[in-house]
Each structure stands twice: as structure tokens, then as C-alpha cells.
Amino acid sequence: MTTPKGGHVFDLITGETMEVDLSTGRHEVTLLEVHEPRCRVRGVIRFPGVTLYVNSEKVYVPAALYHMPLTLEGIRIGCSVTRGVAETVGRFKDVYAFEKDARIRCWAPDDPL
């Protein structure tokens, strides 16, 4: 299967599983937990991330577009945004059109980002 530019993108709620078909085969991704630690002083989210099961391997993925995706066996995976960040930005404009807990992006390891 050809990976679209920007990767395969899907939104997940906690506990939801998605299967993605890449040139390296079918991969199962489950969102286990969303981490959105808040600054004690300002209350803003600092260093958000998610815990995923990727092909039965538990992995922590930072949530930000400026983090390079992680490369695991047969899949490259990243998290572009979490619900808390989207809601904070969404007070001004719904730039993410986001209704779930996290937005996940996947590529085959050799595909361009």
C-alpha cells in the first residue's frame, strides 16, 4: 500500500485500536494513555505524549509536530496532537477538527515523511 504524503493519519480515543496497512505489512496500534502534564504555575500543558501498543510493544511517543517519529520494527510512528492541546488552541479557532484523544501518524520506515 502506498503511504500518502504526511503518513497515514487517524484519531484514537483511549483504548481504541486501529490497524494500518503499510508496505511492511499490517500493524496494530492501540492508544493506552494520554499524558498531558500541566505547569503548576500557569496551568498550560507541557510536553504532552501518548503511550501506545504498537504490534504488542508498549512505547511512549511525544506529542508534537517538531518531534521526529519513532521507528520501531516495520513502522515509523508519531503523535501530532492530543485533545488537551487541541482544546486550548480551539478556543480561538478549531484548527484541528479534533474529537478524539490523540492524532497518530504512521509510515513505513523507508517512506518519506
Foldseek 3Di string as FASTA:
>chain_A
DDAPVVADKDFAAAQDKDWDQAPLGIKIKHWHAKDFDADPPPRHTDFIWTWMQIRNDTDIATADPPDFFDDDVFKTKHWPDAPRVQVVVCVVPNPPVDDHGTMMGMHGPPDDD
